[in-house]
Amino acid sequence: MDVVALFGKNVRTLRDREGLSQEELAFRAGMKRSYLSDLERGTRNPSVRALGRLAEALRVAPSRLLEDPRPSETDSNAVVRSR
């Protein structure tokens, strides 16, 4: 998946989970609602600063906004070792 689209999907998922409107999240993150809308749709590249501000507003680690929720091939083939 394209990382910009993944970022937007994660922002929207977390925003919805918190019950926030785009307007409210944009206000908390100090950005315009139209910019947030573009980020969620994956039509704009987020700056690192925007990523950090959104993560703070959503109360998650910045890395959470870039995580792929789908299990990766390496995850499914991982060998669990004991001892």
Protein backbone atom coordinates (compact mmCIF):
# COMPACT_ATOMS: atom_id res chain seq x y z
CA MET A 1 0.00 0.00 0.00
CA ASP A 2 1.16 3.53 -0.74
CA VAL A 3 2.49 5.08 2.49
CA VAL A 4 0.59 8.36 1.90
CA ALA A 5 -2.69 6.46 1.48
CA LEU A 6 -1.85 4.30 4.51
CA PHE A 7 -1.21 7.41 6.60
CA GLY A 8 -4.53 8.92 5.55
CA LYS A 9 -6.42 5.70 6.26
CA ASN A 10 -4.88 5.45 9.72
CA VAL A 11 -5.67 9.08 10.55
CA ARG A 12 -9.29 8.62 9.52
CA THR A 13 -9.65 5.32 11.40
CA LEU A 14 -8.24 6.82 14.59
CA ARG A 15 -10.28 10.02 14.19
CA ASP A 16 -13.47 7.98 13.76
CA ARG A 17 -12.56 5.82 16.75
CA GLU A 18 -12.22 8.96 18.89
CA GLY A 19 -15.54 10.29 17.59
CA LEU A 20 -13.93 13.46 16.22
CA SER A 21 -15.02 15.44 13.20
CA GLN A 22 -12.41 16.54 10.69
CA GLU A 23 -12.97 20.09 11.90
CA GLU A 24 -12.30 19.18 15.54
CA LEU A 25 -9.17 17.14 14.77
CA ALA A 26 -7.84 19.86 12.48
CA PHE A 27 -8.39 22.42 15.24
CA ARG A 28 -6.57 20.26 17.80
CA ALA A 29 -3.69 19.73 15.38
CA GLY A 30 -3.50 23.39 14.36
CA MET A 31 -4.25 22.87 10.69
CA LYS A 32 -7.00 23.63 8.22
CA ARG A 33 -9.82 21.14 7.81
CA SER A 34 -9.31 21.08 4.04
CA TYR A 35 -5.66 20.05 4.54
CA LEU A 36 -6.72 17.27 6.90
CA SER A 37 -9.30 16.12 4.36
CA ASP A 38 -6.61 15.98 1.66
CA LEU A 39 -4.34 13.98 3.99
CA GLU A 40 -7.08 11.48 4.80
CA ARG A 41 -7.82 10.99 1.10
CA GLY A 42 -4.12 10.51 0.36
CA THR A 43 -3.99 13.39 -2.11
CA ARG A 44 -1.37 15.40 -0.16
CA ASN A 45 1.96 14.33 1.29
CA PRO A 46 2.09 14.99 5.02
CA SER A 47 5.09 16.80 6.42
CA VAL A 48 6.85 15.25 9.38
CA ARG A 49 5.58 18.20 11.42
CA ALA A 50 1.97 17.48 10.37
CA LEU A 51 2.44 13.80 11.24
CA GLY A 52 3.65 14.78 14.71
CA ARG A 53 0.84 17.26 15.30
CA LEU A 54 -1.82 14.75 14.26
CA ALA A 55 -0.28 12.02 16.40
CA GLU A 56 -0.31 14.35 19.39
CA ALA A 57 -3.92 15.39 18.72
CA LEU A 58 -4.94 11.73 18.41
CA ARG A 59 -2.86 10.76 21.48
CA VAL A 60 -0.89 8.06 19.67
CA ALA A 61 2.77 7.52 18.86
CA PRO A 62 3.72 9.03 15.48
CA SER A 63 4.72 5.57 14.27
CA ARG A 64 1.11 4.41 14.74
CA LEU A 65 0.05 6.63 11.84
CA LEU A 66 2.37 4.69 9.51
CA GLU A 67 1.61 1.16 10.68
CA ASP A 68 0.11 -1.27 8.21
CA PRO A 69 -2.74 -3.09 9.99
CA ARG A 70 -2.57 -5.97 7.53
CA PRO A 71 -0.36 -8.87 8.64
CA SER A 72 2.83 -8.87 6.66
CA GLU A 73 4.29 -11.95 5.04
CA THR A 74 7.21 -11.92 7.46
CA ASP A 75 4.82 -11.74 10.43
CA SER A 76 2.90 -14.82 9.29
CA ASN A 77 6.11 -16.75 8.69
CA ALA A 78 7.74 -15.76 11.95
CA VAL A 79 9.09 -18.61 14.02
CA VAL A 80 8.43 -18.40 17.73
CA ARG A 81 11.47 -19.53 19.64
CA SER A 82 11.43 -20.43 23.28
CA ARG A 83 14.46 -20.28 25.53
